[in-house]
Protein backbone atom coordinates (compact mmCIF):
# COMPACT_ATOMS: atom_id res chain seq x y z
CA UNK A 1 2.74 14.73 -2.56
CA UNK A 2 1.79 11.29 -1.33
CA UNK A 3 -0.03 12.08 1.92
CA UNK A 4 0.05 14.13 5.14
CA UNK A 5 0.62 11.25 7.55
CA UNK A 6 3.46 13.23 9.18
CA UNK A 7 0.87 15.80 10.29
CA UNK A 8 -1.79 13.33 11.38
CA UNK A 9 0.51 10.87 13.12
CA UNK A 10 3.94 12.32 13.94
CA UNK A 11 4.51 9.38 16.29
CA UNK A 12 5.08 7.18 13.24
CA UNK A 13 8.23 9.15 12.38
CA UNK A 14 11.49 9.94 14.10
CA UNK A 15 11.44 13.38 15.71
CA UNK A 16 13.92 14.79 13.22
CA UNK A 17 12.06 13.44 10.19
CA UNK A 18 8.72 14.73 11.45
CA UNK A 19 10.07 18.26 11.98
CA UNK A 20 11.81 18.26 8.60
CA UNK A 21 8.63 17.27 6.76
CA UNK A 22 6.50 19.83 8.58
CA UNK A 23 8.85 22.63 7.57
CA UNK A 24 9.72 21.68 4.01
CA UNK A 25 6.38 20.36 2.78
CA UNK A 26 4.41 23.43 3.86
CA UNK A 27 6.87 25.69 2.07
CA UNK A 28 6.81 23.53 -1.05
CA UNK A 29 3.02 23.25 -1.24
CA UNK A 30 2.55 27.00 -0.85
CA UNK A 31 5.11 27.80 -3.55
CA UNK A 32 3.89 25.16 -6.02
CA UNK A 33 1.64 26.06 -8.93
CA UNK A 34 0.11 22.58 -8.90
CA UNK A 35 0.29 19.67 -6.47
CA UNK A 36 -0.08 16.09 -7.69
CA UNK A 37 -1.34 13.38 -5.34
CA UNK A 38 -2.40 9.76 -5.95
CA UNK A 39 -5.86 9.62 -4.32
CA UNK A 40 -8.98 11.60 -3.56
CA UNK A 41 -8.36 10.91 0.11
CA UNK A 42 -4.95 12.61 -0.03
CA UNK A 43 -6.36 15.49 -2.08
CA UNK A 44 -8.89 16.19 0.67
CA UNK A 45 -6.28 15.90 3.40
CA UNK A 46 -3.84 18.23 1.61
CA UNK A 47 -6.62 20.76 1.07
CA UNK A 48 -7.60 20.58 4.73
CA UNK A 49 -4.01 20.97 5.93
CA UNK A 50 -2.76 23.61 3.50
CA UNK A 51 -5.82 25.17 1.86
CA UNK A 52 -4.58 23.99 -1.54
CA UNK A 53 -7.77 22.40 -2.86
CA UNK A 54 -7.93 24.23 -6.19
CA UNK A 55 -4.36 23.45 -7.21
CA UNK A 56 -4.23 19.83 -6.00
CA UNK A 57 -4.82 17.23 -8.74
CA UNK A 58 -5.31 13.49 -8.38
CA UNK A 59 -3.14 11.26 -10.57
CA UNK A 60 -3.56 7.66 -9.36
CA UNK A 61 -0.66 5.26 -9.19
CA UNK A 62 -0.62 2.03 -11.17
CA UNK A 63 1.13 -1.35 -11.28
CA UNK A 64 4.26 -2.23 -13.22
CA UNK A 65 3.90 -4.92 -15.88
CA UNK A 66 6.17 -7.15 -13.76
CA UNK A 67 3.19 -7.87 -11.53
CA UNK A 68 1.07 -10.46 -13.33
CA UNK A 69 -0.42 -13.89 -12.69
CA UNK A 70 2.17 -16.66 -12.76
CA UNK A 71 2.12 -20.38 -12.05
CA UNK A 72 1.48 -20.94 -8.35
CA UNK A 73 3.51 -24.16 -8.46
CA UNK A 74 6.60 -22.57 -10.00
CA UNK A 75 6.29 -19.55 -7.67
CA UNK A 76 6.05 -21.86 -4.64
CA UNK A 77 9.17 -23.70 -5.79
CA UNK A 78 11.02 -20.38 -6.14
CA UNK A 79 9.97 -19.23 -2.66
CA UNK A 80 10.97 -22.59 -1.19
CA UNK A 81 14.42 -22.46 -2.78
CA UNK A 82 15.07 -18.74 -2.23
CA UNK A 83 13.54 -18.17 1.21
CA UNK A 84 13.18 -21.66 2.68
CA UNK A 85 9.41 -21.26 3.09
CA UNK A 86 7.73 -24.59 2.37
CA UNK A 87 4.24 -24.07 3.78
CA UNK A 88 1.33 -22.32 2.16
CA UNK A 89 1.20 -18.76 3.41
CA UNK A 90 -0.53 -15.42 3.80
CA UNK A 91 1.57 -12.48 2.65
CA UNK A 92 2.03 -8.91 3.86
CA UNK A 93 4.24 -6.33 2.11
CA UNK A 94 5.47 -3.09 3.68
CA UNK A 95 8.40 -1.55 5.52
CA UNK A 96 8.55 -2.61 9.16
CA UNK A 97 7.20 0.61 10.66
CA UNK A 98 4.35 1.56 13.03
CA UNK A 99 1.72 2.59 10.51
CA UNK A 100 1.99 -0.67 8.57
CA UNK A 101 0.55 -2.47 11.61
CA UNK A 102 2.47 -5.74 11.31
CA UNK A 103 2.16 -6.25 15.06
CA UNK A 104 -1.62 -6.21 14.78
CA UNK A 105 -1.40 -8.70 11.91
CA UNK A 106 0.80 -11.02 13.97
CA UNK A 107 -1.82 -10.96 16.72
CA UNK A 108 -4.60 -11.67 14.23
CA UNK A 109 -2.63 -14.52 12.66
CA UNK A 110 -2.07 -16.09 16.08
CA UNK A 111 -5.79 -15.81 16.83
CA UNK A 112 -6.62 -17.32 13.42
CA UNK A 113 -4.37 -20.33 13.98
CA UNK A 114 -5.89 -20.89 17.43
CA UNK A 115 -9.41 -20.79 16.00
CA UNK A 116 -8.60 -22.86 12.89
CA UNK A 117 -5.77 -25.29 13.74
CA UNK A 118 -6.48 -27.21 10.55
CA UNK A 119 -5.10 -24.35 8.44
CA UNK A 120 -1.57 -25.17 7.26
CA UNK A 121 -0.55 -21.57 6.57
CA UNK A 122 2.44 -19.54 7.66
CA UNK A 123 2.68 -15.73 7.65
CA UNK A 124 5.31 -14.03 5.48
CA UNK A 125 6.26 -10.40 6.14
CA UNK A 126 8.13 -8.66 3.33
CA UNK A 127 9.66 -5.25 3.91
CA UNK A 128 12.66 -3.11 4.67
CA UNK A 129 14.02 -2.91 8.19
CA UNK A 130 13.48 0.46 9.88
CA UNK A 131 14.00 1.93 13.36
CA UNK A 132 10.80 0.10 14.40
CA UNK A 133 11.73 -3.35 13.06
CA UNK A 134 12.96 -4.64 16.42
CA UNK A 135 9.49 -4.26 17.93
CA UNK A 136 7.86 -6.17 15.08
CA UNK A 137 10.40 -8.99 15.32
CA UNK A 138 9.98 -9.13 19.10
CA UNK A 139 6.20 -9.47 18.69
CA UNK A 140 6.79 -12.36 16.29
CA UNK A 141 9.24 -14.05 18.67
CA UNK A 142 6.76 -13.82 21.55
CA UNK A 143 3.87 -15.16 19.46
CA UNK A 144 2.57 -18.67 19.95
CA UNK A 145 3.05 -18.98 16.17
CA UNK A 146 6.65 -17.77 16.18
CA UNK A 147 7.85 -20.73 14.11
CA UNK A 148 5.32 -19.94 11.38
CA UNK A 149 6.20 -16.25 10.91
CA UNK A 150 8.88 -15.39 8.35
CA UNK A 151 10.71 -12.14 7.56
CA UNK A 152 12.30 -11.75 4.13
CA UNK A 153 13.61 -8.19 4.44
CA UNK A 154 13.48 -5.96 1.38
CA UNK A 155 13.08 -7.78 -1.94
CA UNK A 156 13.14 -6.55 -5.54
CA UNK A 157 10.18 -6.73 -7.89
CA UNK A 158 11.32 -9.96 -9.55
CA UNK A 159 11.28 -11.77 -6.21
CA UNK A 160 8.19 -9.95 -5.00
CA UNK A 161 6.08 -11.17 -7.90
CA UNK A 162 7.10 -14.72 -6.99
CA UNK A 163 6.02 -14.17 -3.39
CA UNK A 164 2.66 -12.79 -4.52
CA UNK A 165 2.27 -15.71 -6.92
CA UNK A 166 3.01 -18.33 -4.26
CA UNK A 167 0.73 -16.86 -1.58
CA UNK A 168 -2.84 -17.90 -0.89
CA UNK A 169 -3.86 -14.50 0.47
CA UNK A 170 -2.53 -10.95 0.63
CA UNK A 171 -3.19 -8.98 3.83
CA UNK A 172 -2.57 -5.26 4.12
CA UNK A 173 -3.40 -4.05 7.65
CA UNK A 174 -1.93 -0.54 7.41
CA UNK A 175 -3.44 2.20 9.53
CA UNK A 176 -2.91 4.90 6.92
CA UNK A 177 -1.98 5.08 3.22
CA UNK A 178 -1.98 7.85 0.66
CA UNK A 179 -2.61 5.13 -1.93
CA UNK A 180 -1.58 1.58 -1.00
CA UNK A 181 0.25 0.25 -4.06
CA UNK A 182 0.79 -3.31 -2.71
CA UNK A 183 -2.99 -3.78 -2.84
CA UNK A 184 -2.95 -3.33 -6.62
CA UNK A 185 0.24 -5.37 -7.02
CA UNK A 186 -1.36 -8.36 -5.29
CA UNK A 187 -4.54 -7.99 -7.33
CA UNK A 188 -2.56 -7.81 -10.57
CA UNK A 189 -0.88 -11.07 -9.56
CA UNK A 190 -4.29 -12.69 -9.16
CA UNK A 191 -4.34 -12.89 -5.39
CA UNK A 192 -7.30 -12.33 -3.09
CA UNK A 193 -6.83 -9.25 -0.89
CA UNK A 194 -7.92 -8.38 2.62
CA UNK A 195 -7.04 -4.81 3.58
CA UNK A 196 -7.82 -1.93 5.89
CA UNK A 197 -10.89 0.23 5.34
CA UNK A 198 -9.11 3.46 6.34
CA UNK A 199 -7.58 6.41 4.44
CA UNK A 200 -7.12 5.70 0.69
CA UNK A 201 -7.19 1.91 0.85
CA UNK A 202 -10.92 1.41 0.39
CA UNK A 203 -10.77 3.88 -2.51
CA UNK A 204 -8.04 1.83 -4.21
CA UNK A 205 -9.53 -1.59 -3.48
CA UNK A 206 -13.14 -0.62 -4.13
CA UNK A 207 -15.28 -3.80 -4.04
CA UNK A 208 -12.39 -6.10 -5.00
CA UNK A 209 -11.13 -6.78 -1.46
CA UNK A 210 -12.43 -7.84 1.93
CA UNK A 211 -12.15 -4.73 4.11
CA UNK A 212 -11.56 -4.61 7.86
CA UNK A 213 -10.93 -2.09 10.61
CA UNK A 214 -7.15 -2.26 11.21
CA UNK A 215 -7.69 -1.39 14.87
CA UNK A 216 -9.84 -4.52 15.30
CA UNK A 217 -7.91 -7.78 15.64
CA UNK A 218 -11.21 -9.67 15.46
CA UNK A 219 -12.17 -8.11 12.12
CA UNK A 220 -8.73 -8.77 10.68
CA UNK A 221 -8.86 -12.38 11.85
CA UNK A 222 -12.33 -12.88 10.38
CA UNK A 223 -11.30 -11.45 7.00
CA UNK A 224 -8.37 -13.85 6.72
CA UNK A 225 -10.47 -16.77 7.95
CA UNK A 226 -13.23 -16.11 5.40
CA UNK A 227 -10.80 -15.99 2.46
CA UNK A 228 -8.70 -18.97 3.50
CA UNK A 229 -11.62 -21.27 4.35
CA UNK A 230 -14.00 -20.27 1.54
CA UNK A 231 -12.39 -21.25 -1.77
CA UNK A 232 -15.32 -19.90 -3.79
CA UNK A 233 -15.06 -16.49 -2.13
CA UNK A 234 -11.30 -16.47 -2.64
CA UNK A 235 -11.61 -17.23 -6.36
CA UNK A 236 -14.25 -14.53 -6.78
CA UNK A 237 -12.06 -11.95 -5.07
CA UNK A 238 -9.09 -12.98 -7.22
CA UNK A 239 -11.17 -12.36 -10.34
CA UNK A 240 -12.46 -9.01 -9.09
CA UNK A 241 -8.93 -7.99 -8.13
CA UNK A 242 -7.57 -8.64 -11.61
CA UNK A 243 -10.34 -6.47 -13.05
CA UNK A 244 -9.73 -3.72 -10.52
CA UNK A 245 -5.96 -3.56 -11.05
CA UNK A 246 -6.48 -3.30 -14.81
CA UNK A 247 -8.36 -0.02 -14.28
CA UNK A 248 -5.08 1.67 -13.25
CA UNK A 249 -2.46 2.47 -15.89
CA UNK A 250 0.95 4.14 -15.72
CA UNK A 251 0.37 5.33 -19.29
CA UNK A 252 -2.74 7.17 -18.15
CA UNK A 253 -0.86 8.51 -15.13
CA UNK A 254 1.93 9.79 -17.38
CA UNK A 255 -0.52 11.44 -19.76
CA UNK A 256 -2.36 13.16 -16.91
CA UNK A 257 0.92 14.30 -15.37
CA UNK A 258 2.14 15.66 -18.70
CA UNK A 259 -1.13 17.53 -19.14
CA UNK A 260 -0.54 19.27 -15.80
CA UNK A 261 3.00 20.25 -16.87
CA UNK A 262 1.63 21.70 -20.12
CA UNK A 263 -1.03 23.62 -18.21
CA UNK A 264 1.57 25.09 -15.85
CA UNK A 265 3.95 25.95 -18.69
CA UNK A 266 1.22 27.66 -20.71
CA UNK A 267 0.00 29.66 -17.71
CA UNK A 268 3.56 30.85 -17.04
CA UNK A 269 4.02 31.75 -20.70
CA UNK A 270 0.81 33.81 -20.62
CA UNK A 271 1.97 35.53 -17.45
CA UNK A 272 5.36 36.44 -18.95
CA UNK A 273 3.62 37.77 -22.06
CA UNK A 274 1.29 39.90 -19.95
CA UNK A 275 4.25 41.27 -17.97
CA UNK A 276 6.12 42.21 -21.15
CA UNK A 277 2.99 43.92 -22.54
CA UNK A 278 2.55 45.88 -19.35
CA UNK A 279 6.17 47.08 -19.50
CA UNK A 280 5.73 48.26 -23.09
CA UNK A 281 2.59 50.17 -22.21
């Protein structure tokens, strides 16, 4: 179970999807022997919502081996040929939906360009179109920086690693995440990260990112400005990010998940044995 965002913020979902999740997730959590979730934040939220603290276990996500440092020059050439983006850029990855806060990022980017006109950067938004995409695109069209904002739509991992590799900065302004996998992906690709300080994101990023309040356009603007103008800070955050991403492993996640399956299977086997013994007696 990734998170309980559908309980905390039903406005981020269609009415039908919100109702469906409220009904089915409660039933599933209550009937489950164990519940796996990717962060301590989500474990606490699940326990608060469903009283399932004792049976909820944290198994953090990790990054696929596809995401790794690559040549910035070759990545920039790929992005230029594939997407037509020639400028240096800041990158954001996430479906175009309310909780990802792309509209806030567009506002912060516009404010950054007004404050620092010497910066040559564009803003690249990667993510699947959703019911909310029209509002994000409209915000970009109305921006004073409209010509410097690019949408790629959904991309596969092979293209995504090129986009990470070509970027100067990764920004993740989401309001709420049960984990925040793009943070680790960008770090694994050797990119400096600025991200929200809410929900599980500060837990995932730890001290390897510049954190900001996603509700504050000023804080978001300042975080991007600091990383883009201070090369020494950017390099330090890139190094810390590589170290942080290496602390997460899918092998460890698989082993911990398997251990939970064994625990559940053994407890069921003991229960069946006790039932058979009781019947004999």
